[in-house]
Amino acid sequence: MDIIDAHHHVWDLAVRDQDWITGPRLAPIRRDFSLTDLAADARGTELRATVLVQTIAVPEETPEFLALAAGGDLVAGVVGWTDLTAPDVSDRLAALREASGGRHLVGIRHQVQAEPDPEWLLRPDVARGLAAVAAAGLVYDLVVVPHQLPACAKAAAAHPELTFVLDHLGKPGIAAREPRPWAAELRALAALPNTTAKLSGLVTEADWEGWTSADLRPYTEEALEAFGPDRLMFGSDWPVCRLAASYETVLETARELTRHLSPTERAAVFSGTALRTYGLEDLLPGPCSVTG
């Protein structure tokens, strides 16, 4: 079964610092990571294509990612960044679509998790930006922490024309074994038909050194019951996942946690949901070099 990895990153520290990679715990990923590195780490898997996701809130990064998508054989879609609060946000989105590789722009994301206002998504200027994202035919990725989930639900309800994609299941407290109130708030978001979520980033929310698939299972089961396989998609969160697991381990763990699903349901999680949500069908590159 072909795999669409719906969430990964790349960065080159010589081009731009990643100022969030600080301290000794994150030191293993304070180095450059390229698409070549990803292909090497994923070699032997059935990886067919990926969605490359923004890392920092600067306007220069997204055109660089679009150029990568246009020139390579791995990235099908890009979730980029633009300032949602800018008065000319519609023009900025249009310029990205017109840039080299612009057809690969499939979504927009902002590090809402770093915003001190728990209802940042509900601000009038942000709401206007979200409406512009919808008008541009893009989706909006949510990178949030659990206490921000209620605002996510309110924003999704206020913008039924926009598809919201919850990254990393909203970063539940797996290491602390604290599923509440996260579970109830996840279900409230999932009750809205214009929402989907990623089975991604979970190993780094667990105990990096001692996690097991059993630690993740209550959270993936909650998500499967809330969203269903047709609204869930696999993402590696590479290279951040390397803090706790290899690419192959992350993929095999996701397979283990979804083994009870039917073949059709597994196909949705590992490719179909991403293809449909991000509109990747016409953006897929040629045969990927990581297989074999």
C-alpha atoms as a PDB file:
ATOM      1  CA  MET A   1       0.000   0.000   0.000  1.00  0.00           C
ATOM      2  CA  ASP A   2       1.416   3.376  -1.023  1.00  0.00           C
ATOM      3  CA  ILE A   3       1.991   5.791   1.854  1.00  0.00           C
ATOM      4  CA  ILE A   4       1.276   9.514   1.724  1.00  0.00           C
ATOM      5  CA  ASP A   5       3.164  11.121   4.598  1.00  0.00           C
ATOM      6  CA  ALA A   6       0.938  14.089   5.433  1.00  0.00           C
ATOM      7  CA  HIS A   7       3.356  15.890   7.745  1.00  0.00           C
ATOM      8  CA  HIS A   8       7.107  16.439   7.672  1.00  0.00           C
ATOM      9  CA  HIS A   9       9.631  19.274   7.675  1.00  0.00           C
ATOM     10  CA  VAL A  10      13.008  20.226   6.246  1.00  0.00           C
ATOM     11  CA  TRP A  11      15.389  23.025   7.167  1.00  0.00           C
ATOM     12  CA  ASP A  12      18.846  24.397   6.382  1.00  0.00           C
ATOM     13  CA  LEU A  13      20.377  26.288   9.282  1.00  0.00           C
ATOM     14  CA  ALA A  14      22.770  28.090   6.941  1.00  0.00           C
ATOM     15  CA  VAL A  15      19.782  29.615   5.162  1.00  0.00           C
ATOM     16  CA  ARG A  16      17.654  30.324   8.225  1.00  0.00           C
ATOM     17  CA  ASP A  17      17.932  29.580  11.922  1.00  0.00           C
ATOM     18  CA  GLN A  18      15.255  27.465  13.566  1.00  0.00           C
ATOM     19  CA  ASP A  19      15.083  29.418  16.794  1.00  0.00           C
ATOM     20  CA  TRP A  20      12.752  26.893  18.415  1.00  0.00           C
ATOM     21  CA  ILE A  21      15.484  24.237  18.439  1.00  0.00           C
ATOM     22  CA  THR A  22      17.134  25.149  21.715  1.00  0.00           C
ATOM     23  CA  GLY A  23      18.565  23.316  24.718  1.00  0.00           C
ATOM     24  CA  PRO A  24      20.245  19.928  25.108  1.00  0.00           C
ATOM     25  CA  ARG A  25      17.095  17.840  24.612  1.00  0.00           C
ATOM     26  CA  LEU A  26      16.601  19.186  21.092  1.00  0.00           C
ATOM     27  CA  ALA A  27      20.309  19.109  20.221  1.00  0.00           C
ATOM     28  CA  PRO A  28      19.965  15.905  18.106  1.00  0.00           C
ATOM     29  CA  ILE A  29      17.847  17.769  15.546  1.00  0.00           C
ATOM     30  CA  ARG A  30      19.845  21.012  15.561  1.00  0.00           C
ATOM     31  CA  ARG A  31      21.360  20.243  12.159  1.00  0.00           C
ATOM     32  CA  ASP A  32      20.296  20.464   8.542  1.00  0.00           C
ATOM     33  CA  PHE A  33      17.602  18.088   7.256  1.00  0.00           C
ATOM     34  CA  SER A  34      16.913  17.798   3.532  1.00  0.00           C
ATOM     35  CA  LEU A  35      14.601  15.808   1.296  1.00  0.00           C
ATOM     36  CA  THR A  36      17.589  13.583   0.543  1.00  0.00           C
ATOM     37  CA  ASP A  37      17.872  12.833   4.262  1.00  0.00           C
ATOM     38  CA  LEU A  38      14.170  12.013   4.412  1.00  0.00           C
ATOM     39  CA  ALA A  39      14.449   9.659   1.448  1.00  0.00           C
ATOM     40  CA  ALA A  40      17.359   7.911   3.145  1.00  0.00           C
ATOM     41  CA  ASP A  41      15.498   7.529   6.444  1.00  0.00           C
ATOM     42  CA  ALA A  42      12.364   6.256   4.669  1.00  0.00           C
ATOM     43  CA  ARG A  43      14.175   3.902   2.287  1.00  0.00           C
ATOM     44  CA  GLY A  44      12.512   0.527   2.071  1.00  0.00           C
ATOM     45  CA  THR A  45       9.084   1.854   3.035  1.00  0.00           C
ATOM     46  CA  GLU A  46       6.158   2.304   0.656  1.00  0.00           C
ATOM     47  CA  LEU A  47       6.406   6.104   0.829  1.00  0.00           C
ATOM     48  CA  ARG A  48       4.864   7.507  -2.343  1.00  0.00           C
ATOM     49  CA  ALA A  49       4.672  11.240  -1.643  1.00  0.00           C
ATOM     50  CA  THR A  50       4.604  13.767   1.181  1.00  0.00           C
ATOM     51  CA  VAL A  51       3.183  17.021   2.457  1.00  0.00           C
ATOM     52  CA  LEU A  52       5.920  19.449   3.495  1.00  0.00           C
ATOM     53  CA  VAL A  53       4.851  21.687   6.393  1.00  0.00           C
ATOM     54  CA  GLN A  54       6.166  25.099   7.415  1.00  0.00           C
ATOM     55  CA  THR A  55       8.380  25.427  10.478  1.00  0.00           C
ATOM     56  CA  ILE A  56       8.721  29.147  11.229  1.00  0.00           C
ATOM     57  CA  ALA A  57       6.654  32.266  10.576  1.00  0.00           C
ATOM     58  CA  VAL A  58       8.667  34.032   7.893  1.00  0.00           C
ATOM     59  CA  PRO A  59       7.415  34.816   4.375  1.00  0.00           C
ATOM     60  CA  GLU A  60      10.552  33.536   2.619  1.00  0.00           C
ATOM     61  CA  GLU A  61      10.172  29.898   3.672  1.00  0.00           C
ATOM     62  CA  THR A  62       7.021  29.017   1.750  1.00  0.00           C
ATOM     63  CA  PRO A  63       8.310  29.995  -1.738  1.00  0.00           C
ATOM     64  CA  GLU A  64      11.417  27.926  -1.021  1.00  0.00           C
ATOM     65  CA  PHE A  65       9.263  24.926  -0.146  1.00  0.00           C
ATOM     66  CA  LEU A  66       7.143  25.389  -3.264  1.00  0.00           C
ATOM     67  CA  ALA A  67      10.293  25.376  -5.388  1.00  0.00           C
ATOM     68  CA  LEU A  68      11.341  22.125  -3.710  1.00  0.00           C
ATOM     69  CA  ALA A  69       7.979  20.590  -4.547  1.00  0.00           C
ATOM     70  CA  ALA A  70       8.219  21.732  -8.150  1.00  0.00           C
ATOM     71  CA  GLY A  71      11.718  20.376  -8.636  1.00  0.00           C
ATOM     72  CA  GLY A  72      11.628  17.057  -6.822  1.00  0.00           C
ATOM     73  CA  ASP A  73      10.097  13.605  -6.853  1.00  0.00           C
ATOM     74  CA  LEU A  74       8.771  13.403  -3.304  1.00  0.00           C
ATOM     75  CA  VAL A  75       6.764  16.451  -2.170  1.00  0.00           C
ATOM     76  CA  ALA A  76       3.231  16.637  -3.531  1.00  0.00           C
ATOM     77  CA  GLY A  77       1.855  19.413  -1.333  1.00  0.00           C
ATOM     78  CA  VAL A  78       3.099  22.278   0.812  1.00  0.00           C
ATOM     79  CA  VAL A  79       1.419  23.687   3.900  1.00  0.00           C
ATOM     80  CA  GLY A  80       2.995  27.113   4.063  1.00  0.00           C
ATOM     81  CA  TRP A  81       2.793  30.277   6.123  1.00  0.00           C
ATOM     82  CA  THR A  82       1.532  33.767   5.510  1.00  0.00           C
ATOM     83  CA  ASP A  83       0.446  36.473   7.929  1.00  0.00           C
ATOM     84  CA  LEU A  84      -3.267  35.872   8.377  1.00  0.00           C
ATOM     85  CA  THR A  85      -3.664  39.271  10.012  1.00  0.00           C
ATOM     86  CA  ALA A  86      -2.207  41.224   7.084  1.00  0.00           C
ATOM     87  CA  PRO A  87      -4.725  43.520   5.345  1.00  0.00           C
ATOM     88  CA  ASP A  88      -3.538  42.172   1.973  1.00  0.00           C
ATOM     89  CA  VAL A  89      -3.621  38.498   2.952  1.00  0.00           C
ATOM     90  CA  SER A  90      -5.636  37.575  -0.158  1.00  0.00           C
ATOM     91  CA  ASP A  91      -3.012  39.157  -2.398  1.00  0.00           C
ATOM     92  CA  ARG A  92      -0.233  37.357  -0.521  1.00  0.00           C
ATOM     93  CA  LEU A  93      -1.951  34.012  -1.016  1.00  0.00           C
ATOM     94  CA  ALA A  94      -2.446  34.771  -4.697  1.00  0.00           C
ATOM     95  CA  ALA A  95       1.251  35.617  -5.062  1.00  0.00           C
ATOM     96  CA  LEU A  96       2.199  32.283  -3.513  1.00  0.00           C
ATOM     97  CA  ARG A  97      -0.076  30.445  -5.939  1.00  0.00           C
ATOM     98  CA  GLU A  98       1.572  32.301  -8.824  1.00  0.00           C
ATOM     99  CA  ALA A  99       5.137  31.564  -7.648  1.00  0.00           C
ATOM    100  CA  SER A 100       7.265  28.734  -8.979  1.00  0.00           C
ATOM    101  CA  GLY A 101       5.638  25.547  -7.744  1.00  0.00           C
ATOM    102  CA  GLY A 102       2.606  27.502  -6.561  1.00  0.00           C
ATOM    103  CA  ARG A 103       0.183  24.798  -7.601  1.00  0.00           C
ATOM    104  CA  HIS A 104       1.650  22.665  -4.807  1.00  0.00           C
ATOM    105  CA  LEU A 105       0.408  25.082  -2.133  1.00  0.00           C
ATOM    106  CA  VAL A 106      -2.376  23.143  -0.434  1.00  0.00           C
ATOM    107  CA  GLY A 107      -2.667  24.760   2.981  1.00  0.00           C
ATOM    108  CA  ILE A 108      -1.600  27.428   5.451  1.00  0.00           C
ATOM    109  CA  ARG A 109      -0.418  27.064   9.049  1.00  0.00           C
ATOM    110  CA  HIS A 110       0.592  29.331  11.915  1.00  0.00           C
ATOM    111  CA  GLN A 111       2.187  28.364  15.242  1.00  0.00           C
ATOM    112  CA  VAL A 112      -0.975  29.022  17.226  1.00  0.00           C
ATOM    113  CA  GLN A 113       0.526  26.929  20.044  1.00  0.00           C
ATOM    114  CA  ALA A 114       2.921  29.819  20.732  1.00  0.00           C
ATOM    115  CA  GLU A 115       0.209  32.493  20.901  1.00  0.00           C
ATOM    116  CA  PRO A 116      -0.512  33.613  24.493  1.00  0.00           C
ATOM    117  CA  ASP A 117      -4.145  34.347  23.656  1.00  0.00           C
ATOM    118  CA  PRO A 118      -6.045  31.020  23.874  1.00  0.00           C
ATOM    119  CA  GLU A 119      -8.658  32.456  21.497  1.00  0.00           C
ATOM    120  CA  TRP A 120      -6.223  33.851  18.937  1.00  0.00           C
ATOM    121  CA  LEU A 121      -8.069  31.993  16.186  1.00  0.00           C
ATOM    122  CA  LEU A 122     -11.230  33.960  16.995  1.00  0.00           C
ATOM    123  CA  ARG A 123      -9.759  37.433  16.637  1.00  0.00           C
ATOM    124  CA  PRO A 124     -11.469  39.458  13.888  1.00  0.00           C
ATOM    125  CA  ASP A 125      -8.255  39.962  11.924  1.00  0.00           C
ATOM    126  CA  VAL A 126      -7.440  36.236  12.087  1.00  0.00           C
ATOM    127  CA  ALA A 127     -11.014  35.348  11.106  1.00  0.00           C
ATOM    128  CA  ARG A 128     -10.659  37.550   8.032  1.00  0.00           C
ATOM    129  CA  GLY A 129      -7.444  35.697   7.180  1.00  0.00           C
ATOM    130  CA  LEU A 130      -9.103  32.324   7.590  1.00  0.00           C
ATOM    131  CA  ALA A 131     -11.853  33.419   5.226  1.00  0.00           C
ATOM    132  CA  ALA A 132      -9.174  34.361   2.686  1.00  0.00           C
ATOM    133  CA  VAL A 133      -7.578  30.911   3.032  1.00  0.00           C
ATOM    134  CA  ALA A 134     -10.948  29.320   2.288  1.00  0.00           C
ATOM    135  CA  ALA A 135     -11.549  31.628  -0.682  1.00  0.00           C
ATOM    136  CA  ALA A 136      -8.175  30.608  -2.089  1.00  0.00           C
ATOM    137  CA  GLY A 137      -9.239  26.959  -2.037  1.00  0.00           C
ATOM    138  CA  LEU A 138      -6.708  26.005   0.641  1.00  0.00           C
ATOM    139  CA  VAL A 139      -7.039  24.188   3.952  1.00  0.00           C
ATOM    140  CA  TYR A 140      -5.861  25.387   7.351  1.00  0.00           C
ATOM    141  CA  ASP A 141      -3.589  23.293   9.566  1.00  0.00           C
ATOM    142  CA  LEU A 142      -4.000  23.720  13.319  1.00  0.00           C
ATOM    143  CA  VAL A 143      -0.880  23.345  15.452  1.00  0.00           C
ATOM    144  CA  VAL A 144      -2.236  23.855  18.951  1.00  0.00           C
ATOM    145  CA  VAL A 145      -2.024  22.531  22.486  1.00  0.00           C
ATOM    146  CA  PRO A 146      -5.001  21.045  24.342  1.00  0.00           C
ATOM    147  CA  HIS A 147      -6.267  24.193  26.051  1.00  0.00           C
ATOM    148  CA  GLN A 148      -6.629  25.822  22.614  1.00  0.00           C
ATOM    149  CA  LEU A 149      -8.935  23.101  21.239  1.00  0.00           C
ATOM    150  CA  PRO A 150     -12.163  24.890  22.260  1.00  0.00           C
ATOM    151  CA  ALA A 151     -11.147  27.890  20.153  1.00  0.00           C
ATOM    152  CA  CYS A 152     -10.394  25.517  17.258  1.00  0.00           C
ATOM    153  CA  ALA A 153     -13.941  24.181  17.431  1.00  0.00           C
ATOM    154  CA  LYS A 154     -15.382  27.685  17.517  1.00  0.00           C
ATOM    155  CA  ALA A 155     -13.277  28.736  14.537  1.00  0.00           C
ATOM    156  CA  ALA A 156     -14.286  25.660  12.547  1.00  0.00           C
ATOM    157  CA  ALA A 157     -17.938  26.310  13.332  1.00  0.00           C
ATOM    158  CA  ALA A 158     -17.548  29.942  12.243  1.00  0.00           C
ATOM    159  CA  HIS A 159     -15.920  28.942   8.928  1.00  0.00           C
ATOM    160  CA  PRO A 160     -17.853  25.941   7.590  1.00  0.00           C
ATOM    161  CA  GLU A 161     -16.458  26.619   4.131  1.00  0.00           C
ATOM    162  CA  LEU A 162     -12.876  25.984   5.338  1.00  0.00           C
ATOM    163  CA  THR A 163     -11.354  22.573   6.075  1.00  0.00           C
ATOM    164  CA  PHE A 164      -9.349  22.527   9.312  1.00  0.00           C
ATOM    165  CA  VAL A 165      -6.652  19.876   9.828  1.00  0.00           C
ATOM    166  CA  LEU A 166      -5.591  19.205  13.415  1.00  0.00           C
ATOM    167  CA  ASP A 167      -1.875  18.455  13.572  1.00  0.00           C
ATOM    168  CA  HIS A 168      -0.575  15.903  16.084  1.00  0.00           C
ATOM    169  CA  LEU A 169      -4.094  15.347  17.507  1.00  0.00           C
ATOM    170  CA  GLY A 170      -3.721  18.625  19.376  1.00  0.00           C
ATOM    171  CA  LYS A 171      -0.639  17.430  21.323  1.00  0.00           C
ATOM    172  CA  PRO A 172      -2.288  15.421  24.108  1.00  0.00           C
ATOM    173  CA  GLY A 173      -0.434  14.844  27.368  1.00  0.00           C
ATOM    174  CA  ILE A 174       0.711  11.305  26.604  1.00  0.00           C
ATOM    175  CA  ALA A 175       3.811  11.380  28.809  1.00  0.00           C
ATOM    176  CA  ALA A 176       1.721  12.614  31.744  1.00  0.00           C
ATOM    177  CA  ARG A 177      -1.008  10.043  30.955  1.00  0.00           C
ATOM    178  CA  GLU A 178      -3.542  12.866  31.026  1.00  0.00           C
ATOM    179  CA  PRO A 179      -6.280  12.262  28.439  1.00  0.00           C
ATOM    180  CA  ARG A 180      -8.778  14.671  30.015  1.00  0.00           C
ATOM    181  CA  PRO A 181     -10.069  17.226  29.155  1.00  0.00           C
ATOM    182  CA  TRP A 182      -8.296  16.670  25.818  1.00  0.00           C
ATOM    183  CA  ALA A 183     -10.554  13.758  24.818  1.00  0.00           C
ATOM    184  CA  ALA A 184     -13.814  15.668  25.244  1.00  0.00           C
ATOM    185  CA  GLU A 185     -12.447  18.709  23.436  1.00  0.00           C
ATOM    186  CA  LEU A 186     -11.139  16.543  20.580  1.00  0.00           C
ATOM    187  CA  ARG A 187     -14.607  15.034  20.167  1.00  0.00           C
ATOM    188  CA  ALA A 188     -16.181  18.489  20.113  1.00  0.00           C
ATOM    189  CA  LEU A 189     -13.876  19.474  17.264  1.00  0.00           C
ATOM    190  CA  ALA A 190     -14.437  16.193  15.428  1.00  0.00           C
ATOM    191  CA  ALA A 191     -18.215  16.717  15.607  1.00  0.00           C
ATOM    192  CA  LEU A 192     -17.791  19.443  12.989  1.00  0.00           C
ATOM    193  CA  PRO A 193     -17.816  18.001   9.455  1.00  0.00           C
ATOM    194  CA  ASN A 194     -15.153  20.386   8.133  1.00  0.00           C
ATOM    195  CA  THR A 195     -12.417  18.990  10.406  1.00  0.00           C
ATOM    196  CA  THR A 196      -9.815  16.269   9.968  1.00  0.00           C
ATOM    197  CA  ALA A 197      -6.772  15.270  12.002  1.00  0.00           C
ATOM    198  CA  LYS A 198      -3.315  13.772  11.702  1.00  0.00           C
ATOM    199  CA  LEU A 199      -1.975  10.719  13.493  1.00  0.00           C
ATOM    200  CA  SER A 200       1.358  12.492  13.781  1.00  0.00           C
ATOM    201  CA  GLY A 201       3.754  13.843  16.374  1.00  0.00           C
ATOM    202  CA  LEU A 202       2.616  11.432  19.093  1.00  0.00           C
ATOM    203  CA  VAL A 203       5.940   9.792  19.922  1.00  0.00           C
ATOM    204  CA  THR A 204       7.370  13.151  20.962  1.00  0.00           C
ATOM    205  CA  GLU A 205       4.380  13.808  23.221  1.00  0.00           C
ATOM    206  CA  ALA A 206       5.202  10.520  24.985  1.00  0.00           C
ATOM    207  CA  ASP A 207       8.261   9.620  27.074  1.00  0.00           C
ATOM    208  CA  TRP A 208      10.984   9.889  24.434  1.00  0.00           C
ATOM    209  CA  GLU A 209      13.129   7.136  25.887  1.00  0.00           C
ATOM    210  CA  GLY A 210      10.535   4.706  27.220  1.00  0.00           C
ATOM    211  CA  TRP A 211       7.341   5.006  25.168  1.00  0.00           C
ATOM    212  CA  THR A 212       5.533   1.989  23.768  1.00  0.00           C
ATOM    213  CA  SER A 213       2.658   1.653  21.341  1.00  0.00           C
ATOM    214  CA  ALA A 214       0.442   0.868  24.337  1.00  0.00           C
ATOM    215  CA  ASP A 215       1.089   4.405  25.616  1.00  0.00           C
ATOM    216  CA  LEU A 216      -0.203   5.858  22.345  1.00  0.00           C
ATOM    217  CA  ARG A 217      -3.156   3.530  21.854  1.00  0.00           C
ATOM    218  CA  PRO A 218      -5.712   5.319  24.095  1.00  0.00           C
ATOM    219  CA  TYR A 219      -5.133   8.515  22.131  1.00  0.00           C
ATOM    220  CA  THR A 220      -5.243   6.964  18.666  1.00  0.00           C
ATOM    221  CA  GLU A 221      -8.369   4.999  19.615  1.00  0.00           C
ATOM    222  CA  GLU A 222     -10.023   8.196  20.823  1.00  0.00           C
ATOM    223  CA  ALA A 223      -9.177   9.880  17.533  1.00  0.00           C
ATOM    224  CA  LEU A 224     -10.395   6.940  15.457  1.00  0.00           C
ATOM    225  CA  GLU A 225     -13.712   6.913  17.296  1.00  0.00           C
ATOM    226  CA  ALA A 226     -14.088  10.697  17.053  1.00  0.00           C
ATOM    227  CA  PHE A 227     -13.036  11.322  13.461  1.00  0.00           C
ATOM    228  CA  GLY A 228     -13.191   7.893  11.840  1.00  0.00           C
ATOM    229  CA  PRO A 229     -10.538   6.637   9.392  1.00  0.00           C
ATOM    230  CA  ASP A 230     -11.911   8.780   6.552  1.00  0.00           C
ATOM    231  CA  ARG A 231     -10.923  11.924   8.474  1.00  0.00           C
ATOM    232  CA  LEU A 232      -7.578  10.769   9.836  1.00  0.00           C
ATOM    233  CA  MET A 233      -4.238  10.731   8.045  1.00  0.00           C
ATOM    234  CA  PHE A 234      -0.758   9.434   8.851  1.00  0.00           C
ATOM    235  CA  GLY A 235       2.087  11.903   9.303  1.00  0.00           C
ATOM    236  CA  SER A 236       5.629  11.142  10.420  1.00  0.00           C
ATOM    237  CA  ASP A 237       6.523  14.587  11.812  1.00  0.00           C
ATOM    238  CA  TRP A 238      10.026  13.842  10.545  1.00  0.00           C
ATOM    239  CA  PRO A 239      12.666  14.923  11.518  1.00  0.00           C
ATOM    240  CA  VAL A 240      11.202  15.975  14.878  1.00  0.00           C
ATOM    241  CA  CYS A 241      10.159  12.363  15.427  1.00  0.00           C
ATOM    242  CA  ARG A 242      13.846  11.390  15.488  1.00  0.00           C
ATOM    243  CA  LEU A 243      13.975  12.698  19.051  1.00  0.00           C
ATOM    244  CA  ALA A 244      11.987   9.612  20.062  1.00  0.00           C
ATOM    245  CA  ALA A 245      11.933   7.191  17.121  1.00  0.00           C
ATOM    246  CA  SER A 246      13.185   6.494  13.616  1.00  0.00           C
ATOM    247  CA  TYR A 247      11.023   7.055  10.563  1.00  0.00           C
ATOM    248  CA  GLU A 248      10.525   3.313  10.176  1.00  0.00           C
ATOM    249  CA  THR A 249       9.512   2.920  13.828  1.00  0.00           C
ATOM    250  CA  VAL A 250       6.956   5.734  13.578  1.00  0.00           C
ATOM    251  CA  LEU A 251       5.442   4.158  10.471  1.00  0.00           C
ATOM    252  CA  GLU A 252       5.385   0.650  11.921  1.00  0.00           C
ATOM    253  CA  THR A 253       3.811   1.934  15.144  1.00  0.00           C
ATOM    254  CA  ALA A 254       1.060   3.653  13.156  1.00  0.00           C
ATOM    255  CA  ARG A 255       0.462   0.396  11.310  1.00  0.00           C
ATOM    256  CA  GLU A 256       0.256  -1.519  14.568  1.00  0.00           C
ATOM    257  CA  LEU A 257      -2.210   0.958  16.055  1.00  0.00           C
ATOM    258  CA  THR A 258      -4.470   0.699  12.992  1.00  0.00           C
ATOM    259  CA  ARG A 259      -4.128  -3.044  12.337  1.00  0.00           C
ATOM    260  CA  HIS A 260      -7.658  -3.715  13.563  1.00  0.00           C
ATOM    261  CA  LEU A 261      -9.103  -1.549  10.777  1.00  0.00           C
ATOM    262  CA  SER A 262     -10.315  -2.951   7.492  1.00  0.00           C
ATOM    263  CA  PRO A 263      -8.048  -2.688   4.414  1.00  0.00           C
ATOM    264  CA  THR A 264     -10.221   0.154   3.098  1.00  0.00           C
ATOM    265  CA  GLU A 265     -10.000   2.028   6.381  1.00  0.00           C
ATOM    266  CA  ARG A 266      -6.218   1.604   6.568  1.00  0.00           C
ATOM    267  CA  ALA A 267      -5.917   2.866   3.005  1.00  0.00           C
ATOM    268  CA  ALA A 268      -7.795   5.999   4.062  1.00  0.00           C
ATOM    269  CA  VAL A 269      -5.463   6.654   7.008  1.00  0.00           C
ATOM    270  CA  PHE A 270      -2.256   6.044   5.072  1.00  0.00           C
ATOM    271  CA  SER A 271      -3.140   7.749   1.807  1.00  0.00           C
ATOM    272  CA  GLY A 272      -6.781   8.401   0.956  1.00  0.00           C
ATOM    273  CA  THR A 273      -7.591  11.054   3.546  1.00  0.00           C
ATOM    274  CA  ALA A 274      -4.490  13.089   2.696  1.00  0.00           C
ATOM    275  CA  LEU A 275      -5.136  12.790  -1.032  1.00  0.00           C
ATOM    276  CA  ARG A 276      -8.704  14.020  -0.655  1.00  0.00           C
ATOM    277  CA  THR A 277      -8.176  16.668   2.039  1.00  0.00           C
ATOM    278  CA  TYR A 278      -5.213  18.340   0.391  1.00  0.00           C
ATOM    279  CA  GLY A 279      -6.311  17.691  -3.206  1.00  0.00           C
ATOM    280  CA  LEU A 280      -3.101  15.853  -4.060  1.00  0.00           C
ATOM    281  CA  GLU A 281      -4.381  13.603  -6.844  1.00  0.00           C
ATOM    282  CA  ASP A 282      -3.029  15.810  -9.628  1.00  0.00           C
ATOM    283  CA  LEU A 283       0.106  16.799  -7.701  1.00  0.00           C
ATOM    284  CA  LEU A 284       1.690  13.409  -7.083  1.00  0.00           C
ATOM    285  CA  PRO A 285       5.299  13.164  -8.291  1.00  0.00           C
ATOM    286  CA  GLY A 286       6.665  10.261 -10.304  1.00  0.00           C
ATOM    287  CA  PRO A 287       7.586   6.929  -8.707  1.00  0.00           C
ATOM    288  CA  CYS A 288       9.309   7.695  -5.416  1.00  0.00           C
ATOM    289  CA  SER A 289      12.966   6.701  -5.064  1.00  0.00           C
ATOM    290  CA  VAL A 290      12.733   5.635  -1.411  1.00  0.00           C
ATOM    291  CA  THR A 291      11.059   2.290  -2.166  1.00  0.00           C
ATOM    292  CA  GLY A 292      13.016  -0.867  -2.784  1.00  0.00           C
END
